[in-house]
Every structure is written in structure tokens, then in C-alpha cells.
Amino acid sequence: MKRRYNGGVTYAQFLLVFLLLPIVALVVFLRGHLHRFHFVAAGLVCLLAFVYTTPWDNYAAYKRLWTFDPKFVLGPPFWFGYLPLEEYLFYFGEAIFVCLVLVALARVPALAPPAGEK
């Protein structure tokens, strides 16, 4: 008798709910307030997150400090190394989310520096 898996959240579903939806909500909220330099800065943060995180994350997966159950990821390790595609998407999604949160927080008057200070 073949066992069927009937539960759990995949990594892709996690990314959809906890990163993609909040990113979309923030983009809608910040409509008209995002400028080219925000996109350039977010791109640089994504690059930094990728370059900084990929080596040690792959090393940890190689040493089996953590693993990715094939039932919860889209496929075998992607691109290079020992990580699934979703892990790389997490780097970029998290970096974009943090950048958008910072832009949103900069619009809160109570968080602005007092007049005359920079």
C-alpha cells in the first residue's frame, strides 16, 4: 500500500504567504513613493545577501547542519551547491521585504528626526 503525504507547508507556500504577499502589500502601500534609487539599493542589498549568505548556507547544508526534505521543496538542489531554489528565493525575498519596510518606516512622521537635525 502506497503512503500518501497529507500535510505540512512547502517552502514555496511559506515564501508565498510570509514574503510575497507582504511584499505585494508594501508595494501597493508605497505606490508613488518608490523611486529608481530604491530599486537600485534593493538590488545591491539582494546581491550582498546572496554573496554573503550562499557560502555558509551551502556549507551548513553540506555538513548536514540542516537539511531540506524533498517533500517540502520544488526539486533537487538548484543551480549550484546543496540548497533548493526556495532558499535562494528566500535570500532575495527577505532582502526586498526589509528594504520595503525601511522605506515604509521612513514615511512615519513620529520616526523622523527632529526639525533641524539630519
C-alpha atoms as a PDB file:
ATOM      1  CA  MET A   1       0.000   0.000   0.000  1.00  0.00           C
ATOM      2  CA  LYS A   2       1.407   3.354  -1.040  1.00  0.00           C
ATOM      3  CA  ARG A   3       1.509   6.009   1.686  1.00  0.00           C
ATOM      4  CA  ARG A   4       0.265   9.440   0.783  1.00  0.00           C
ATOM      5  CA  TYR A   5       1.556  12.613   2.362  1.00  0.00           C
ATOM      6  CA  ASN A   6      -1.364  14.662   3.707  1.00  0.00           C
ATOM      7  CA  GLY A   7       0.003  17.685   5.466  1.00  0.00           C
ATOM      8  CA  GLY A   8       2.615  20.300   6.028  1.00  0.00           C
ATOM      9  CA  VAL A   9       3.532  23.503   4.329  1.00  0.00           C
ATOM     10  CA  THR A  10       6.000  23.511   1.481  1.00  0.00           C
ATOM     11  CA  TYR A  11       8.832  26.009   1.400  1.00  0.00           C
ATOM     12  CA  ALA A  12       7.249  27.642  -1.680  1.00  0.00           C
ATOM     13  CA  GLN A  13       3.940  28.073   0.192  1.00  0.00           C
ATOM     14  CA  PHE A  14       5.800  29.598   3.119  1.00  0.00           C
ATOM     15  CA  LEU A  15       7.511  32.076   0.787  1.00  0.00           C
ATOM     16  CA  LEU A  16       4.206  32.947  -0.845  1.00  0.00           C
ATOM     17  CA  VAL A  17       2.400  33.682   2.425  1.00  0.00           C
ATOM     18  CA  PHE A  18       5.168  35.208   4.513  1.00  0.00           C
ATOM     19  CA  LEU A  19       7.233  37.036   1.888  1.00  0.00           C
ATOM     20  CA  LEU A  20       5.468  37.515  -1.431  1.00  0.00           C
ATOM     21  CA  LEU A  21       2.127  38.676  -0.006  1.00  0.00           C
ATOM     22  CA  PRO A  22       3.722  41.186   2.408  1.00  0.00           C
ATOM     23  CA  ILE A  23       5.984  42.453  -0.396  1.00  0.00           C
ATOM     24  CA  VAL A  24       2.969  42.997  -2.657  1.00  0.00           C
ATOM     25  CA  ALA A  25       1.110  44.746   0.185  1.00  0.00           C
ATOM     26  CA  LEU A  26       4.075  47.054   0.833  1.00  0.00           C
ATOM     27  CA  VAL A  27       4.470  47.871  -2.863  1.00  0.00           C
ATOM     28  CA  VAL A  28       0.767  48.801  -3.017  1.00  0.00           C
ATOM     29  CA  PHE A  29       1.096  50.851   0.188  1.00  0.00           C
ATOM     30  CA  LEU A  30       4.187  52.662  -1.126  1.00  0.00           C
ATOM     31  CA  ARG A  31       2.758  53.227  -4.610  1.00  0.00           C
ATOM     32  CA  GLY A  32       4.075  56.542  -5.863  1.00  0.00           C
ATOM     33  CA  HIS A  33       6.790  56.704  -3.210  1.00  0.00           C
ATOM     34  CA  LEU A  34       9.225  54.171  -4.651  1.00  0.00           C
ATOM     35  CA  HIS A  35      11.879  55.683  -6.862  1.00  0.00           C
ATOM     36  CA  ARG A  36      14.670  54.363  -9.010  1.00  0.00           C
ATOM     37  CA  PHE A  37      17.245  54.661  -6.229  1.00  0.00           C
ATOM     38  CA  HIS A  38      15.079  52.431  -4.021  1.00  0.00           C
ATOM     39  CA  PHE A  39      15.192  49.705  -6.678  1.00  0.00           C
ATOM     40  CA  VAL A  40      18.947  50.128  -7.156  1.00  0.00           C
ATOM     41  CA  ALA A  41      19.524  49.959  -3.395  1.00  0.00           C
ATOM     42  CA  ALA A  42      17.294  46.890  -3.076  1.00  0.00           C
ATOM     43  CA  GLY A  43      19.205  45.241  -5.913  1.00  0.00           C
ATOM     44  CA  LEU A  44      22.503  45.898  -4.139  1.00  0.00           C
ATOM     45  CA  VAL A  45      21.119  44.531  -0.866  1.00  0.00           C
ATOM     46  CA  CYS A  46      19.926  41.403  -2.714  1.00  0.00           C
ATOM     47  CA  LEU A  47      23.381  40.943  -4.237  1.00  0.00           C
ATOM     48  CA  LEU A  48      25.025  41.411  -0.855  1.00  0.00           C
ATOM     49  CA  ALA A  49      22.631  38.939   0.791  1.00  0.00           C
ATOM     50  CA  PHE A  50      23.313  36.378  -1.938  1.00  0.00           C
ATOM     51  CA  VAL A  51      27.105  36.739  -1.868  1.00  0.00           C
ATOM     52  CA  TYR A  52      27.282  36.770   1.923  1.00  0.00           C
ATOM     53  CA  THR A  53      24.783  34.011   2.672  1.00  0.00           C
ATOM     54  CA  THR A  54      25.329  31.451  -0.091  1.00  0.00           C
ATOM     55  CA  PRO A  55      28.740  30.098   1.015  1.00  0.00           C
ATOM     56  CA  TRP A  56      27.937  29.453   4.660  1.00  0.00           C
ATOM     57  CA  ASP A  57      24.399  28.261   3.956  1.00  0.00           C
ATOM     58  CA  ASN A  58      25.697  25.747   1.409  1.00  0.00           C
ATOM     59  CA  TYR A  59      28.425  24.666   3.800  1.00  0.00           C
ATOM     60  CA  ALA A  60      25.893  24.108   6.585  1.00  0.00           C
ATOM     61  CA  ALA A  61      23.695  22.042   4.240  1.00  0.00           C
ATOM     62  CA  TYR A  62      26.761  20.096   3.042  1.00  0.00           C
ATOM     63  CA  LYS A  63      27.680  19.288   6.669  1.00  0.00           C
ATOM     64  CA  ARG A  64      24.014  18.410   7.268  1.00  0.00           C
ATOM     65  CA  LEU A  65      23.573  21.021   9.993  1.00  0.00           C
ATOM     66  CA  TRP A  66      20.212  21.413   8.316  1.00  0.00           C
ATOM     67  CA  THR A  67      18.512  19.598   5.504  1.00  0.00           C
ATOM     68  CA  PHE A  68      15.662  20.184   3.081  1.00  0.00           C
ATOM     69  CA  ASP A  69      13.099  17.404   2.937  1.00  0.00           C
ATOM     70  CA  PRO A  70      12.301  16.661  -0.737  1.00  0.00           C
ATOM     71  CA  LYS A  71       8.585  16.552   0.166  1.00  0.00           C
ATOM     72  CA  PHE A  72       8.693  20.258   1.012  1.00  0.00           C
ATOM     73  CA  VAL A  73      10.835  21.721  -1.782  1.00  0.00           C
ATOM     74  CA  LEU A  74      10.336  22.019  -5.527  1.00  0.00           C
ATOM     75  CA  GLY A  75      13.153  19.728  -6.528  1.00  0.00           C
ATOM     76  CA  PRO A  76      16.766  18.722  -6.043  1.00  0.00           C
ATOM     77  CA  PRO A  77      19.393  21.321  -5.125  1.00  0.00           C
ATOM     78  CA  PHE A  78      19.206  24.115  -7.641  1.00  0.00           C
ATOM     79  CA  TRP A  79      21.829  25.970  -9.617  1.00  0.00           C
ATOM     80  CA  PHE A  80      24.855  25.034  -7.542  1.00  0.00           C
ATOM     81  CA  GLY A  81      25.559  23.713  -4.122  1.00  0.00           C
ATOM     82  CA  TYR A  82      23.282  21.940  -1.699  1.00  0.00           C
ATOM     83  CA  LEU A  83      20.321  24.322  -1.494  1.00  0.00           C
ATOM     84  CA  PRO A  84      16.898  24.194  -3.121  1.00  0.00           C
ATOM     85  CA  LEU A  85      15.631  27.044  -5.290  1.00  0.00           C
ATOM     86  CA  GLU A  86      13.387  28.267  -2.475  1.00  0.00           C
ATOM     87  CA  GLU A  87      16.379  29.004  -0.241  1.00  0.00           C
ATOM     88  CA  TYR A  88      17.864  31.324  -2.870  1.00  0.00           C
ATOM     89  CA  LEU A  89      14.437  32.931  -3.361  1.00  0.00           C
ATOM     90  CA  PHE A  90      14.287  33.447   0.395  1.00  0.00           C
ATOM     91  CA  TYR A  91      17.529  35.473   0.299  1.00  0.00           C
ATOM     92  CA  PHE A  92      16.120  37.806  -2.327  1.00  0.00           C
ATOM     93  CA  GLY A  93      12.613  37.986  -0.892  1.00  0.00           C
ATOM     94  CA  GLU A  94      13.833  38.745   2.608  1.00  0.00           C
ATOM     95  CA  ALA A  95      16.186  41.458   1.344  1.00  0.00           C
ATOM     96  CA  ILE A  96      13.420  43.096  -0.701  1.00  0.00           C
ATOM     97  CA  PHE A  97      10.980  42.876   2.216  1.00  0.00           C
ATOM     98  CA  VAL A  98      13.422  44.547   4.614  1.00  0.00           C
ATOM     99  CA  CYS A  99      14.156  47.315   2.102  1.00  0.00           C
ATOM    100  CA  LEU A 100      10.434  47.986   1.644  1.00  0.00           C
ATOM    101  CA  VAL A 101       9.848  48.029   5.407  1.00  0.00           C
ATOM    102  CA  LEU A 102      12.621  50.619   5.775  1.00  0.00           C
ATOM    103  CA  VAL A 103      11.061  52.795   3.069  1.00  0.00           C
ATOM    104  CA  ALA A 104       7.665  52.475   4.780  1.00  0.00           C
ATOM    105  CA  LEU A 105       9.113  53.320   8.204  1.00  0.00           C
ATOM    106  CA  ALA A 106      10.838  56.388   6.759  1.00  0.00           C
ATOM    107  CA  ARG A 107       7.361  57.724   5.954  1.00  0.00           C
ATOM    108  CA  VAL A 108       6.191  57.561   9.600  1.00  0.00           C
ATOM    109  CA  PRO A 109       6.312  61.126  10.968  1.00  0.00           C
ATOM    110  CA  ALA A 110       6.976  60.014  14.557  1.00  0.00           C
ATOM    111  CA  LEU A 111      10.181  58.320  13.400  1.00  0.00           C
ATOM    112  CA  ALA A 112      11.502  61.366  11.536  1.00  0.00           C
ATOM    113  CA  PRO A 113      14.439  63.226  13.091  1.00  0.00           C
ATOM    114  CA  PRO A 114      13.535  66.479  14.856  1.00  0.00           C
ATOM    115  CA  ALA A 115      13.497  69.605  12.706  1.00  0.00           C
ATOM    116  CA  GLY A 116      16.964  70.931  12.008  1.00  0.00           C
ATOM    117  CA  GLU A 117      18.710  67.572  12.518  1.00  0.00           C
ATOM    118  CA  LYS A 118      19.962  65.355   9.766  1.00  0.00           C
END
